[in-house]
């Protein structure tokens, strides 16, 4: 299974950016999806999660209210819409997928067997 993340770039504080992760129709519908990020010198951090039936979305505290995870079923993409970006959002962002879900471990990057290659988001004036 290959995941392809895209959409990163250099933006100013307060700007918006949308990241996308290419998936197959099968995995998009049946798997659980997440975004993580990793800033230089820091551990990989949970950002957002969406359930396979789209009924539930979960967010990390630092992005709640600013980021939105969703699925574009027409394009077979998992998107991360990021609004009101801050310099502390600067990181490499990764999409991840898991055929199963656990409320106990969904925030743990070690849970996810499939990963995209990462896309760099830099927020700077």
Protein backbone atom coordinates (compact mmCIF):
# COMPACT_ATOMS: atom_id res chain seq x y z
CA UNK A 1 0.00 0.00 0.00
CA UNK A 2 1.50 3.31 -1.04
CA UNK A 3 0.34 6.61 0.36
CA UNK A 4 1.27 9.87 -1.30
CA UNK A 5 1.09 13.11 0.66
CA UNK A 6 1.17 16.48 -1.07
CA UNK A 7 0.31 20.14 -0.64
CA UNK A 8 3.02 21.43 1.66
CA UNK A 9 4.74 24.74 1.20
CA UNK A 10 5.80 28.05 2.69
CA UNK A 11 3.00 30.24 4.04
CA UNK A 12 2.66 33.23 6.34
CA UNK A 13 1.09 33.19 9.79
CA UNK A 14 -2.69 33.32 9.51
CA UNK A 15 -2.74 31.72 6.08
CA UNK A 16 -4.51 28.51 5.07
CA UNK A 17 -3.17 25.42 3.36
CA UNK A 18 -4.65 22.08 2.34
CA UNK A 19 -2.72 18.85 2.43
CA UNK A 20 -3.86 15.78 0.56
CA UNK A 21 -3.07 12.09 0.81
CA UNK A 22 -3.77 9.87 -2.18
CA UNK A 23 -5.47 6.59 -1.39
CA UNK A 24 -7.24 3.81 -3.22
CA UNK A 25 -11.02 3.66 -3.21
CA UNK A 26 -10.89 0.47 -1.15
CA UNK A 27 -8.64 1.82 1.59
CA UNK A 28 -10.38 5.19 1.64
CA UNK A 29 -13.69 3.55 2.45
CA UNK A 30 -12.58 0.74 4.73
CA UNK A 31 -9.58 2.03 6.65
CA UNK A 32 -8.96 4.61 9.35
CA UNK A 33 -6.86 7.61 8.45
CA UNK A 34 -4.75 10.10 10.35
CA UNK A 35 -2.34 12.96 9.99
CA UNK A 36 0.75 13.35 12.13
CA UNK A 37 3.48 15.95 12.09
CA UNK A 38 7.07 16.12 13.20
CA UNK A 39 8.97 19.31 13.85
CA UNK A 40 12.79 19.34 13.91
CA UNK A 41 14.09 17.82 17.10
CA UNK A 42 10.64 16.79 18.31
CA UNK A 43 8.66 13.58 18.44
CA UNK A 44 5.97 12.79 15.91
CA UNK A 45 2.74 14.42 17.04
CA UNK A 46 -0.86 13.36 16.42
CA UNK A 47 -2.82 15.92 14.42
CA UNK A 48 -6.13 14.45 13.25
CA UNK A 49 -8.02 11.21 12.65
CA UNK A 50 -11.08 10.21 10.63
CA UNK A 51 -13.02 7.00 10.94
CA UNK A 52 -13.72 4.77 7.99
CA UNK A 53 -17.39 5.74 7.80
CA UNK A 54 -16.57 9.44 8.31
CA UNK A 55 -18.76 9.47 11.40
CA UNK A 56 -15.99 10.53 13.76
CA UNK A 57 -13.14 12.98 13.54
CA UNK A 58 -10.61 13.49 16.30
CA UNK A 59 -8.02 16.23 16.70
CA UNK A 60 -4.93 17.05 18.65
CA UNK A 61 -5.41 19.85 21.17
CA UNK A 62 -3.00 22.20 19.42
CA UNK A 63 -4.96 22.16 16.14
CA UNK A 64 -8.54 21.78 17.35
CA UNK A 65 -10.78 24.43 15.80
CA UNK A 66 -8.22 25.31 13.11
CA UNK A 67 -7.65 22.07 11.20
CA UNK A 68 -10.23 19.83 9.53
CA UNK A 69 -9.70 16.30 8.28
CA UNK A 70 -12.02 15.00 5.57
CA UNK A 71 -12.27 12.61 2.65
CA UNK A 72 -12.64 13.58 -0.98
CA UNK A 73 -14.32 10.49 -2.32
CA UNK A 74 -14.37 11.75 -5.89
CA UNK A 75 -10.58 12.04 -5.89
CA UNK A 76 -9.82 9.25 -3.40
CA UNK A 77 -8.00 11.67 -1.13
CA UNK A 78 -7.76 12.27 2.59
CA UNK A 79 -7.44 16.01 3.10
CA UNK A 80 -6.22 18.15 5.94
CA UNK A 81 -7.48 21.72 5.72
CA UNK A 82 -5.31 23.94 7.88
CA UNK A 83 -6.51 27.43 8.75
CA UNK A 84 -5.06 30.20 10.89
CA UNK A 85 -1.62 28.70 10.62
CA UNK A 86 0.97 29.57 13.24
CA UNK A 87 4.77 29.34 13.17
CA UNK A 88 4.53 26.44 15.62
CA UNK A 89 2.65 24.47 12.97
CA UNK A 90 5.88 24.24 11.00
CA UNK A 91 6.69 20.55 10.54
CA UNK A 92 6.80 17.67 8.14
CA UNK A 93 3.26 16.33 7.88
CA UNK A 94 2.57 12.66 7.33
CA UNK A 95 -0.60 10.81 6.44
CA UNK A 96 -1.09 7.37 7.92
CA UNK A 97 -3.59 4.56 7.57
CA UNK A 98 -4.70 1.60 9.63
CA UNK A 99 -7.23 -1.11 8.77
CA UNK A 100 -8.33 -1.18 12.41
CA UNK A 101 -9.07 1.34 15.16
CA UNK A 102 -8.51 1.53 18.88
CA UNK A 103 -9.69 4.43 20.99
CA UNK A 104 -6.77 3.64 23.27
CA UNK A 105 -4.02 3.90 20.65
CA UNK A 106 -5.18 6.04 17.71
CA UNK A 107 -2.97 8.94 18.85
CA UNK A 108 0.12 6.73 18.87
CA UNK A 109 2.06 6.81 15.62
CA UNK A 110 3.28 3.27 16.23
CA UNK A 111 -0.28 2.07 15.70
CA UNK A 112 -0.28 2.83 12.00
CA UNK A 113 1.30 0.34 9.57
CA UNK A 114 1.06 2.51 6.46
CA UNK A 115 2.62 5.93 5.95
CA UNK A 116 3.02 8.55 3.30
CA UNK A 117 6.40 10.09 2.61
CA UNK A 118 5.75 13.42 4.34
CA UNK A 119 5.25 16.94 3.07
CA UNK A 120 6.92 20.01 4.59
CA UNK A 121 4.82 22.89 5.88
CA UNK A 122 6.68 26.04 6.85
CA UNK A 123 4.84 28.92 8.49
CA UNK A 124 6.98 32.02 8.61
CA UNK A 125 6.74 35.73 7.97
